[in-house]
């Protein structure tokens, strides 16, 4: 096992450019995510509302991520506009719903990646909500890699992923960091406006695990490869959370890192739903955490 980013090997073999060509096809018939809108993004918008140019909301070293990503110099985050989900409790709704940010070229995106490496000295390139911009990201990555980019690539997503897109990313993404939001389809449709969320996320997690396995750390304690799963526990969702944790335990590599998060609070449109229009209680989180510990999951601190 090596801590050299996988895309470096694909670059050397000429495979990275081929992946870029394949990804570009989605700009004229987009089926990147499970919505499979099949729209020409140069002319129309689909569910995510993104056009063919990447939208960057912000970028820079981030110190609020999980410890293995942050290290001393921070995780090099790039926040993208738009999203393929419509979470009613979204804390970044200006970005995900409204597409707040600046349209930039793929060449400019490559320069941001290099700046995160060479100027900020970040430990990774952390792509936040990247699914709908995979073609742009891969082209920017190819450009940046030609100019010396050598940081692990983090795919930080909502978990609503299409297997063919993940397969396109095999050997390119070093660290997958998906959400696993719900175990019931009803909650996915009600709170995030997506169909079959549990089916899609479970298949996606298995594919991610097949590609990268459990989270691996270097001698500094910094992650360079693997799967890190986030689950934001919601009020009244204890039983759903337990099912999420059981799936991770039973179906995925034991070294996958799980971040059971307690920071839910009502935001955006959450107040329209009485059952989630309150913060999580300490008792709810404590019971879930003890259950995760009992299952023997590798938990983020």
C-alpha atoms as a PDB file:
ATOM      1  CA  UNK A   1       0.000   0.000   0.000  1.00  0.00           C
ATOM      2  CA  UNK A   2       1.235   3.470  -0.892  1.00  0.00           C
ATOM      3  CA  UNK A   3       0.267   6.937   0.245  1.00  0.00           C
ATOM      4  CA  UNK A   4       0.847   8.338  -3.259  1.00  0.00           C
ATOM      5  CA  UNK A   5      -2.502   9.585  -4.617  1.00  0.00           C
ATOM      6  CA  UNK A   6      -4.068   7.144  -7.044  1.00  0.00           C
ATOM      7  CA  UNK A   7      -4.556   9.725  -9.766  1.00  0.00           C
ATOM      8  CA  UNK A   8      -0.777  10.110 -10.080  1.00  0.00           C
ATOM      9  CA  UNK A   9      -0.569   6.549 -11.390  1.00  0.00           C
ATOM     10  CA  UNK A  10      -3.472   7.118 -13.787  1.00  0.00           C
ATOM     11  CA  UNK A  11      -1.802  10.290 -15.024  1.00  0.00           C
ATOM     12  CA  UNK A  12       1.430   8.431 -15.776  1.00  0.00           C
ATOM     13  CA  UNK A  13      -0.447   5.769 -17.758  1.00  0.00           C
ATOM     14  CA  UNK A  14      -2.548   8.282 -19.697  1.00  0.00           C
ATOM     15  CA  UNK A  15      -5.708   6.872 -18.123  1.00  0.00           C
ATOM     16  CA  UNK A  16      -6.643  10.102 -16.343  1.00  0.00           C
ATOM     17  CA  UNK A  17      -7.203  11.901 -19.651  1.00  0.00           C
ATOM     18  CA  UNK A  18      -9.455   9.066 -20.810  1.00  0.00           C
ATOM     19  CA  UNK A  19     -11.559   9.419 -17.675  1.00  0.00           C
ATOM     20  CA  UNK A  20     -11.870  13.144 -18.374  1.00  0.00           C
ATOM     21  CA  UNK A  21     -13.180  12.404 -21.870  1.00  0.00           C
ATOM     22  CA  UNK A  22     -15.715   9.946 -20.499  1.00  0.00           C
ATOM     23  CA  UNK A  23     -16.897  12.362 -17.807  1.00  0.00           C
ATOM     24  CA  UNK A  24     -17.371  15.201 -20.303  1.00  0.00           C
ATOM     25  CA  UNK A  25     -20.175  13.262 -21.991  1.00  0.00           C
ATOM     26  CA  UNK A  26     -22.375  14.076 -19.002  1.00  0.00           C
ATOM     27  CA  UNK A  27     -22.273  17.777 -19.810  1.00  0.00           C
ATOM     28  CA  UNK A  28     -24.444  17.120 -22.853  1.00  0.00           C
ATOM     29  CA  UNK A  29     -26.448  14.201 -21.414  1.00  0.00           C
ATOM     30  CA  UNK A  30     -26.112  14.265 -17.655  1.00  0.00           C
ATOM     31  CA  UNK A  31     -26.622  11.033 -15.748  1.00  0.00           C
ATOM     32  CA  UNK A  32     -24.023  11.633 -13.064  1.00  0.00           C
ATOM     33  CA  UNK A  33     -26.345  10.968 -10.124  1.00  0.00           C
ATOM     34  CA  UNK A  34     -29.380   8.717  -9.500  1.00  0.00           C
ATOM     35  CA  UNK A  35     -31.795  11.387 -10.762  1.00  0.00           C
ATOM     36  CA  UNK A  36     -30.494  10.591 -14.279  1.00  0.00           C
ATOM     37  CA  UNK A  37     -31.958  13.811 -15.727  1.00  0.00           C
ATOM     38  CA  UNK A  38     -30.257  13.216 -19.112  1.00  0.00           C
ATOM     39  CA  UNK A  39     -30.241  16.971 -19.845  1.00  0.00           C
ATOM     40  CA  UNK A  40     -27.787  18.913 -21.961  1.00  0.00           C
ATOM     41  CA  UNK A  41     -26.350  21.158 -19.283  1.00  0.00           C
ATOM     42  CA  UNK A  42     -25.142  23.651 -21.841  1.00  0.00           C
ATOM     43  CA  UNK A  43     -28.810  24.374 -22.597  1.00  0.00           C
ATOM     44  CA  UNK A  44     -30.971  23.205 -19.687  1.00  0.00           C
ATOM     45  CA  UNK A  45     -30.831  22.466 -15.977  1.00  0.00           C
ATOM     46  CA  UNK A  46     -31.779  19.247 -14.233  1.00  0.00           C
ATOM     47  CA  UNK A  47     -32.596  18.526 -10.588  1.00  0.00           C
ATOM     48  CA  UNK A  48     -29.332  19.973  -9.252  1.00  0.00           C
ATOM     49  CA  UNK A  49     -29.722  23.185 -11.340  1.00  0.00           C
ATOM     50  CA  UNK A  50     -26.038  23.231 -12.257  1.00  0.00           C
ATOM     51  CA  UNK A  51     -24.884  24.299 -15.694  1.00  0.00           C
ATOM     52  CA  UNK A  52     -21.759  23.118 -17.487  1.00  0.00           C
ATOM     53  CA  UNK A  53     -19.364  25.501 -15.674  1.00  0.00           C
ATOM     54  CA  UNK A  54     -18.256  24.731 -12.147  1.00  0.00           C
ATOM     55  CA  UNK A  55     -19.481  27.006  -9.348  1.00  0.00           C
ATOM     56  CA  UNK A  56     -17.066  27.534  -6.435  1.00  0.00           C
ATOM     57  CA  UNK A  57     -18.620  29.036  -3.311  1.00  0.00           C
ATOM     58  CA  UNK A  58     -15.424  29.163  -1.246  1.00  0.00           C
ATOM     59  CA  UNK A  59     -12.100  27.428  -0.687  1.00  0.00           C
ATOM     60  CA  UNK A  60      -9.292  27.292   1.854  1.00  0.00           C
ATOM     61  CA  UNK A  61      -7.864  25.292   4.762  1.00  0.00           C
ATOM     62  CA  UNK A  62     -10.635  23.960   7.002  1.00  0.00           C
ATOM     63  CA  UNK A  63     -10.013  22.957  10.617  1.00  0.00           C
ATOM     64  CA  UNK A  64     -13.526  21.769  11.475  1.00  0.00           C
ATOM     65  CA  UNK A  65     -13.309  18.434   9.688  1.00  0.00           C
ATOM     66  CA  UNK A  66     -12.409  15.094  11.251  1.00  0.00           C
ATOM     67  CA  UNK A  67      -8.971  14.941  12.853  1.00  0.00           C
ATOM     68  CA  UNK A  68      -7.354  12.576  10.315  1.00  0.00           C
ATOM     69  CA  UNK A  69      -8.182  15.060   7.553  1.00  0.00           C
ATOM     70  CA  UNK A  70      -7.203  18.230   9.395  1.00  0.00           C
ATOM     71  CA  UNK A  71      -3.778  17.469  10.852  1.00  0.00           C
ATOM     72  CA  UNK A  72      -1.662  20.578  11.449  1.00  0.00           C
ATOM     73  CA  UNK A  73      -2.387  22.570   8.281  1.00  0.00           C
ATOM     74  CA  UNK A  74      -6.043  21.838   7.664  1.00  0.00           C
ATOM     75  CA  UNK A  75      -8.116  20.080   5.046  1.00  0.00           C
ATOM     76  CA  UNK A  76      -8.036  21.885   1.700  1.00  0.00           C
ATOM     77  CA  UNK A  77     -11.748  22.343   1.143  1.00  0.00           C
ATOM     78  CA  UNK A  78     -13.447  23.522  -2.027  1.00  0.00           C
ATOM     79  CA  UNK A  79     -17.172  24.179  -1.525  1.00  0.00           C
ATOM     80  CA  UNK A  80     -19.254  23.885  -4.681  1.00  0.00           C
ATOM     81  CA  UNK A  81     -22.578  25.504  -5.470  1.00  0.00           C
ATOM     82  CA  UNK A  82     -25.749  23.412  -5.965  1.00  0.00           C
ATOM     83  CA  UNK A  83     -26.512  19.870  -4.828  1.00  0.00           C
ATOM     84  CA  UNK A  84     -28.317  16.736  -5.987  1.00  0.00           C
ATOM     85  CA  UNK A  85     -30.371  16.668  -2.771  1.00  0.00           C
ATOM     86  CA  UNK A  86     -32.851  19.126  -1.227  1.00  0.00           C
ATOM     87  CA  UNK A  87     -32.441  18.640   2.507  1.00  0.00           C
ATOM     88  CA  UNK A  88     -35.039  20.736   4.326  1.00  0.00           C
ATOM     89  CA  UNK A  89     -32.620  21.218   7.245  1.00  0.00           C
ATOM     90  CA  UNK A  90     -29.630  22.227   5.096  1.00  0.00           C
ATOM     91  CA  UNK A  91     -27.271  24.624   6.864  1.00  0.00           C
ATOM     92  CA  UNK A  92     -25.724  25.726   3.551  1.00  0.00           C
ATOM     93  CA  UNK A  93     -28.958  26.301   1.626  1.00  0.00           C
ATOM     94  CA  UNK A  94     -27.587  29.413  -0.076  1.00  0.00           C
ATOM     95  CA  UNK A  95     -25.055  27.121  -1.760  1.00  0.00           C
ATOM     96  CA  UNK A  96     -27.037  23.917  -2.247  1.00  0.00           C
ATOM     97  CA  UNK A  97     -30.390  25.419  -3.226  1.00  0.00           C
ATOM     98  CA  UNK A  98     -29.324  28.786  -4.614  1.00  0.00           C
ATOM     99  CA  UNK A  99     -25.994  27.926  -6.189  1.00  0.00           C
ATOM    100  CA  UNK A 100     -24.212  30.778  -4.425  1.00  0.00           C
ATOM    101  CA  UNK A 101     -20.665  31.156  -5.673  1.00  0.00           C
ATOM    102  CA  UNK A 102     -18.598  32.115  -8.664  1.00  0.00           C
ATOM    103  CA  UNK A 103     -18.497  30.348 -12.009  1.00  0.00           C
ATOM    104  CA  UNK A 104     -14.882  29.497 -12.795  1.00  0.00           C
ATOM    105  CA  UNK A 105     -13.078  27.706 -15.582  1.00  0.00           C
ATOM    106  CA  UNK A 106     -11.579  24.261 -15.076  1.00  0.00           C
ATOM    107  CA  UNK A 107      -8.151  25.860 -15.392  1.00  0.00           C
ATOM    108  CA  UNK A 108      -8.990  28.234 -12.539  1.00  0.00           C
ATOM    109  CA  UNK A 109     -10.211  25.296 -10.442  1.00  0.00           C
ATOM    110  CA  UNK A 110      -6.872  23.573 -11.054  1.00  0.00           C
ATOM    111  CA  UNK A 111      -5.072  26.670  -9.767  1.00  0.00           C
ATOM    112  CA  UNK A 112      -7.172  26.576  -6.581  1.00  0.00           C
ATOM    113  CA  UNK A 113      -6.118  22.968  -5.992  1.00  0.00           C
ATOM    114  CA  UNK A 114      -2.466  23.884  -6.434  1.00  0.00           C
ATOM    115  CA  UNK A 115      -2.843  26.876  -4.129  1.00  0.00           C
ATOM    116  CA  UNK A 116      -4.266  24.660  -1.397  1.00  0.00           C
ATOM    117  CA  UNK A 117      -1.185  22.451  -1.759  1.00  0.00           C
ATOM    118  CA  UNK A 118       1.622  24.915  -2.393  1.00  0.00           C
ATOM    119  CA  UNK A 119       0.530  28.020  -0.474  1.00  0.00           C
ATOM    120  CA  UNK A 120      -1.680  26.729   2.346  1.00  0.00           C
ATOM    121  CA  UNK A 121       0.163  23.386   2.697  1.00  0.00           C
ATOM    122  CA  UNK A 122      -3.112  21.529   3.277  1.00  0.00           C
ATOM    123  CA  UNK A 123      -3.084  17.769   3.756  1.00  0.00           C
ATOM    124  CA  UNK A 124      -5.670  16.949   1.083  1.00  0.00           C
ATOM    125  CA  UNK A 125      -8.034  18.373  -1.518  1.00  0.00           C
ATOM    126  CA  UNK A 126     -11.515  18.104   0.002  1.00  0.00           C
ATOM    127  CA  UNK A 127     -14.268  18.387  -2.621  1.00  0.00           C
ATOM    128  CA  UNK A 128     -17.511  19.347  -0.856  1.00  0.00           C
ATOM    129  CA  UNK A 129     -20.706  18.377  -2.728  1.00  0.00           C
ATOM    130  CA  UNK A 130     -18.844  17.408  -5.914  1.00  0.00           C
ATOM    131  CA  UNK A 131     -21.157  14.941  -7.688  1.00  0.00           C
ATOM    132  CA  UNK A 132     -22.724  17.271 -10.244  1.00  0.00           C
ATOM    133  CA  UNK A 133     -19.342  18.764 -11.178  1.00  0.00           C
ATOM    134  CA  UNK A 134     -17.376  15.535 -11.670  1.00  0.00           C
ATOM    135  CA  UNK A 135     -16.487  16.362 -15.326  1.00  0.00           C
ATOM    136  CA  UNK A 136     -15.092  19.768 -14.341  1.00  0.00           C
ATOM    137  CA  UNK A 137     -13.262  18.362 -11.330  1.00  0.00           C
ATOM    138  CA  UNK A 138     -11.582  15.602 -13.319  1.00  0.00           C
ATOM    139  CA  UNK A 139     -10.383  18.008 -15.992  1.00  0.00           C
ATOM    140  CA  UNK A 140      -9.077  20.415 -13.336  1.00  0.00           C
ATOM    141  CA  UNK A 141      -7.407  17.518 -11.522  1.00  0.00           C
ATOM    142  CA  UNK A 142      -5.687  16.409 -14.720  1.00  0.00           C
ATOM    143  CA  UNK A 143      -4.338  19.931 -15.278  1.00  0.00           C
ATOM    144  CA  UNK A 144      -3.218  20.294 -11.651  1.00  0.00           C
ATOM    145  CA  UNK A 145      -1.610  16.852 -11.591  1.00  0.00           C
ATOM    146  CA  UNK A 146       0.424  17.767 -14.674  1.00  0.00           C
ATOM    147  CA  UNK A 147       1.693  20.738 -12.666  1.00  0.00           C
ATOM    148  CA  UNK A 148       2.615  18.718  -9.596  1.00  0.00           C
ATOM    149  CA  UNK A 149      -0.507  18.206  -7.500  1.00  0.00           C
ATOM    150  CA  UNK A 150       0.239  15.340  -5.138  1.00  0.00           C
ATOM    151  CA  UNK A 151      -2.400  15.467  -2.369  1.00  0.00           C
ATOM    152  CA  UNK A 152      -5.046  12.837  -1.571  1.00  0.00           C
ATOM    153  CA  UNK A 153      -8.415  13.608  -3.105  1.00  0.00           C
ATOM    154  CA  UNK A 154     -11.417  13.585  -0.742  1.00  0.00           C
ATOM    155  CA  UNK A 155     -14.911  13.042  -2.204  1.00  0.00           C
ATOM    156  CA  UNK A 156     -17.192  14.674   0.382  1.00  0.00           C
ATOM    157  CA  UNK A 157     -20.752  13.900  -0.690  1.00  0.00           C
ATOM    158  CA  UNK A 158     -24.333  13.370   0.479  1.00  0.00           C
ATOM    159  CA  UNK A 159     -24.298   9.653  -0.296  1.00  0.00           C
ATOM    160  CA  UNK A 160     -26.848   9.857  -3.126  1.00  0.00           C
ATOM    161  CA  UNK A 161     -24.488   8.537  -5.781  1.00  0.00           C
ATOM    162  CA  UNK A 162     -24.724   6.569  -9.009  1.00  0.00           C
ATOM    163  CA  UNK A 163     -22.561   3.464  -9.268  1.00  0.00           C
ATOM    164  CA  UNK A 164     -21.355   4.221 -12.793  1.00  0.00           C
ATOM    165  CA  UNK A 165     -20.064   7.605 -11.658  1.00  0.00           C
ATOM    166  CA  UNK A 166     -18.265   6.050  -8.706  1.00  0.00           C
ATOM    167  CA  UNK A 167     -16.721   3.476 -11.022  1.00  0.00           C
ATOM    168  CA  UNK A 168     -15.505   6.333 -13.211  1.00  0.00           C
ATOM    169  CA  UNK A 169     -13.766   7.698 -10.103  1.00  0.00           C
ATOM    170  CA  UNK A 170     -12.022   4.448  -9.160  1.00  0.00           C
ATOM    171  CA  UNK A 171      -8.315   5.012  -8.699  1.00  0.00           C
ATOM    172  CA  UNK A 172      -8.849   8.789  -8.707  1.00  0.00           C
ATOM    173  CA  UNK A 173     -10.557   9.368  -5.374  1.00  0.00           C
ATOM    174  CA  UNK A 174      -8.364   8.413  -2.430  1.00  0.00           C
ATOM    175  CA  UNK A 175     -10.768   9.118   0.428  1.00  0.00           C
ATOM    176  CA  UNK A 176     -14.538   8.820   0.203  1.00  0.00           C
ATOM    177  CA  UNK A 177     -16.456  10.778   2.831  1.00  0.00           C
ATOM    178  CA  UNK A 178     -20.184  10.208   2.251  1.00  0.00           C
ATOM    179  CA  UNK A 179     -23.131  10.999   4.461  1.00  0.00           C
ATOM    180  CA  UNK A 180     -25.451   8.138   5.378  1.00  0.00           C
ATOM    181  CA  UNK A 181     -28.486  10.226   6.263  1.00  0.00           C
ATOM    182  CA  UNK A 182     -31.417   7.824   6.524  1.00  0.00           C
ATOM    183  CA  UNK A 183     -32.221   4.135   6.503  1.00  0.00           C
ATOM    184  CA  UNK A 184     -35.836   4.605   5.395  1.00  0.00           C
ATOM    185  CA  UNK A 185     -36.950   5.724   1.942  1.00  0.00           C
ATOM    186  CA  UNK A 186     -39.777   7.745   3.455  1.00  0.00           C
ATOM    187  CA  UNK A 187     -37.388   9.985   5.374  1.00  0.00           C
ATOM    188  CA  UNK A 188     -35.198  10.450   2.302  1.00  0.00           C
ATOM    189  CA  UNK A 189     -38.135  11.553   0.172  1.00  0.00           C
ATOM    190  CA  UNK A 190     -39.712  13.703   2.886  1.00  0.00           C
ATOM    191  CA  UNK A 191     -36.623  15.511   4.117  1.00  0.00           C
ATOM    192  CA  UNK A 192     -34.267  15.443   1.085  1.00  0.00           C
ATOM    193  CA  UNK A 193     -36.584  15.088  -1.941  1.00  0.00           C
ATOM    194  CA  UNK A 194     -34.816  11.989  -3.251  1.00  0.00           C
ATOM    195  CA  UNK A 195     -36.240   8.570  -4.021  1.00  0.00           C
ATOM    196  CA  UNK A 196     -34.812   5.254  -2.824  1.00  0.00           C
ATOM    197  CA  UNK A 197     -32.132   6.933  -0.730  1.00  0.00           C
ATOM    198  CA  UNK A 198     -31.307   3.850   1.406  1.00  0.00           C
ATOM    199  CA  UNK A 199     -30.959   1.627  -1.664  1.00  0.00           C
ATOM    200  CA  UNK A 200     -28.739   4.132  -3.441  1.00  0.00           C
ATOM    201  CA  UNK A 201     -26.535   5.000  -0.468  1.00  0.00           C
ATOM    202  CA  UNK A 202     -25.997   1.388   0.574  1.00  0.00           C
ATOM    203  CA  UNK A 203     -24.928   0.406  -2.937  1.00  0.00           C
ATOM    204  CA  UNK A 204     -22.678   3.483  -3.099  1.00  0.00           C
ATOM    205  CA  UNK A 205     -21.038   2.725   0.242  1.00  0.00           C
ATOM    206  CA  UNK A 206     -20.302  -0.843  -0.796  1.00  0.00           C
ATOM    207  CA  UNK A 207     -18.689   0.394  -4.004  1.00  0.00           C
ATOM    208  CA  UNK A 208     -16.636   3.001  -2.157  1.00  0.00           C
ATOM    209  CA  UNK A 209     -15.520   0.350   0.322  1.00  0.00           C
ATOM    210  CA  UNK A 210     -14.560  -1.972  -2.521  1.00  0.00           C
ATOM    211  CA  UNK A 211     -12.402   0.739  -4.034  1.00  0.00           C
ATOM    212  CA  UNK A 212     -10.599   2.114  -0.980  1.00  0.00           C
ATOM    213  CA  UNK A 213     -11.415  -0.037   2.071  1.00  0.00           C
ATOM    214  CA  UNK A 214     -11.047   1.130   5.658  1.00  0.00           C
ATOM    215  CA  UNK A 215      -9.459   4.469   6.521  1.00  0.00           C
ATOM    216  CA  UNK A 216      -5.653   4.351   6.487  1.00  0.00           C
ATOM    217  CA  UNK A 217      -3.383   6.816   8.288  1.00  0.00           C
ATOM    218  CA  UNK A 218       0.261   7.714   7.783  1.00  0.00           C
ATOM    219  CA  UNK A 219       2.801   7.997  10.590  1.00  0.00           C
ATOM    220  CA  UNK A 220       1.516  11.512  11.392  1.00  0.00           C
ATOM    221  CA  UNK A 221      -2.040  10.273  11.861  1.00  0.00           C
ATOM    222  CA  UNK A 222      -3.152  11.874   8.579  1.00  0.00           C
ATOM    223  CA  UNK A 223      -5.557   9.943   6.338  1.00  0.00           C
ATOM    224  CA  UNK A 224      -4.343   9.108   2.849  1.00  0.00           C
ATOM    225  CA  UNK A 225      -6.874   6.503   1.719  1.00  0.00           C
ATOM    226  CA  UNK A 226     -10.124   4.884   2.747  1.00  0.00           C
ATOM    227  CA  UNK A 227     -13.740   5.354   3.720  1.00  0.00           C
ATOM    228  CA  UNK A 228     -15.028   7.796   6.336  1.00  0.00           C
ATOM    229  CA  UNK A 229     -18.801   7.801   6.868  1.00  0.00           C
ATOM    230  CA  UNK A 230     -20.777  10.602   8.469  1.00  0.00           C
ATOM    231  CA  UNK A 231     -24.184  10.147  10.054  1.00  0.00           C
ATOM    232  CA  UNK A 232     -25.976  13.225  11.345  1.00  0.00           C
ATOM    233  CA  UNK A 233     -28.383  11.961  13.967  1.00  0.00           C
ATOM    234  CA  UNK A 234     -31.780  13.650  13.814  1.00  0.00           C
ATOM    235  CA  UNK A 235     -34.389  14.205  16.551  1.00  0.00           C
ATOM    236  CA  UNK A 236     -36.734  11.254  16.880  1.00  0.00           C
ATOM    237  CA  UNK A 237     -34.492   9.175  14.645  1.00  0.00           C
ATOM    238  CA  UNK A 238     -32.872   6.799  17.120  1.00  0.00           C
ATOM    239  CA  UNK A 239     -34.173   3.604  15.548  1.00  0.00           C
ATOM    240  CA  UNK A 240     -33.222   4.826  12.077  1.00  0.00           C
ATOM    241  CA  UNK A 241     -29.733   5.625  13.361  1.00  0.00           C
ATOM    242  CA  UNK A 242     -29.378   2.147  14.825  1.00  0.00           C
ATOM    243  CA  UNK A 243     -30.193   0.608  11.437  1.00  0.00           C
ATOM    244  CA  UNK A 244     -27.601   2.838   9.760  1.00  0.00           C
ATOM    245  CA  UNK A 245     -24.962   1.752  12.251  1.00  0.00           C
ATOM    246  CA  UNK A 246     -25.897  -1.913  11.894  1.00  0.00           C
ATOM    247  CA  UNK A 247     -25.481  -1.750   8.124  1.00  0.00           C
ATOM    248  CA  UNK A 248     -22.019  -0.239   8.473  1.00  0.00           C
ATOM    249  CA  UNK A 249     -21.039  -2.927  10.951  1.00  0.00           C
ATOM    250  CA  UNK A 250     -22.429  -5.852   8.965  1.00  0.00           C
ATOM    251  CA  UNK A 251     -21.686  -4.849   5.368  1.00  0.00           C
ATOM    252  CA  UNK A 252     -18.531  -2.724   5.296  1.00  0.00           C
ATOM    253  CA  UNK A 253     -14.862  -3.061   6.219  1.00  0.00           C
ATOM    254  CA  UNK A 254     -14.267  -2.945   9.976  1.00  0.00           C
ATOM    255  CA  UNK A 255     -11.669  -0.189   9.623  1.00  0.00           C
ATOM    256  CA  UNK A 256     -14.104   2.295   8.074  1.00  0.00           C
ATOM    257  CA  UNK A 257     -14.220   5.377  10.277  1.00  0.00           C
ATOM    258  CA  UNK A 258     -17.674   6.491  11.431  1.00  0.00           C
ATOM    259  CA  UNK A 259     -18.455  10.007  12.579  1.00  0.00           C
ATOM    260  CA  UNK A 260     -21.717   9.904  14.536  1.00  0.00           C
ATOM    261  CA  UNK A 261     -22.637  13.587  14.661  1.00  0.00           C
ATOM    262  CA  UNK A 262     -24.802  15.308  17.247  1.00  0.00           C
ATOM    263  CA  UNK A 263     -24.838  18.883  15.911  1.00  0.00           C
ATOM    264  CA  UNK A 264     -28.252  18.814  14.239  1.00  0.00           C
ATOM    265  CA  UNK A 265     -30.346  21.927  14.719  1.00  0.00           C
ATOM    266  CA  UNK A 266     -33.394  23.189  12.837  1.00  0.00           C
ATOM    267  CA  UNK A 267     -32.366  25.279   9.858  1.00  0.00           C
ATOM    268  CA  UNK A 268     -33.795  26.407   6.520  1.00  0.00           C
ATOM    269  CA  UNK A 269     -37.229  24.724   6.134  1.00  0.00           C
ATOM    270  CA  UNK A 270     -36.979  22.345   9.107  1.00  0.00           C
ATOM    271  CA  UNK A 271     -39.480  24.347  11.147  1.00  0.00           C
ATOM    272  CA  UNK A 272     -42.202  23.223   8.746  1.00  0.00           C
ATOM    273  CA  UNK A 273     -41.813  19.693  10.167  1.00  0.00           C
ATOM    274  CA  UNK A 274     -42.763  19.505  13.829  1.00  0.00           C
ATOM    275  CA  UNK A 275     -40.869  16.281  14.490  1.00  0.00           C
ATOM    276  CA  UNK A 276     -37.510  17.762  13.448  1.00  0.00           C
ATOM    277  CA  UNK A 277     -38.125  21.360  14.516  1.00  0.00           C
ATOM    278  CA  UNK A 278     -35.988  20.921  17.619  1.00  0.00           C
ATOM    279  CA  UNK A 279     -32.360  20.167  18.460  1.00  0.00           C
ATOM    280  CA  UNK A 280     -31.182  16.674  19.271  1.00  0.00           C
ATOM    281  CA  UNK A 281     -31.259  15.812  22.978  1.00  0.00           C
ATOM    282  CA  UNK A 282     -28.223  14.573  24.890  1.00  0.00           C
ATOM    283  CA  UNK A 283     -30.112  11.428  25.810  1.00  0.00           C
ATOM    284  CA  UNK A 284     -30.838  10.574  22.172  1.00  0.00           C
ATOM    285  CA  UNK A 285     -27.227  10.985  21.154  1.00  0.00           C
ATOM    286  CA  UNK A 286     -25.875   9.158  24.200  1.00  0.00           C
ATOM    287  CA  UNK A 287     -28.002   6.087  23.458  1.00  0.00           C
ATOM    288  CA  UNK A 288     -26.905   6.080  19.819  1.00  0.00           C
ATOM    289  CA  UNK A 289     -23.238   6.522  20.725  1.00  0.00           C
ATOM    290  CA  UNK A 290     -23.363   3.682  23.248  1.00  0.00           C
ATOM    291  CA  UNK A 291     -25.016   1.474  20.636  1.00  0.00           C
ATOM    292  CA  UNK A 292     -22.301   2.278  18.076  1.00  0.00           C
ATOM    293  CA  UNK A 293     -19.655   1.507  20.704  1.00  0.00           C
ATOM    294  CA  UNK A 294     -21.396  -1.777  21.542  1.00  0.00           C
ATOM    295  CA  UNK A 295     -21.326  -2.745  17.859  1.00  0.00           C
ATOM    296  CA  UNK A 296     -17.570  -2.226  17.880  1.00  0.00           C
ATOM    297  CA  UNK A 297     -17.506   0.451  15.205  1.00  0.00           C
ATOM    298  CA  UNK A 298     -14.380   2.528  14.670  1.00  0.00           C
ATOM    299  CA  UNK A 299     -15.671   5.910  15.809  1.00  0.00           C
ATOM    300  CA  UNK A 300     -14.230   9.335  15.105  1.00  0.00           C
ATOM    301  CA  UNK A 301     -13.269  11.235  18.241  1.00  0.00           C
END
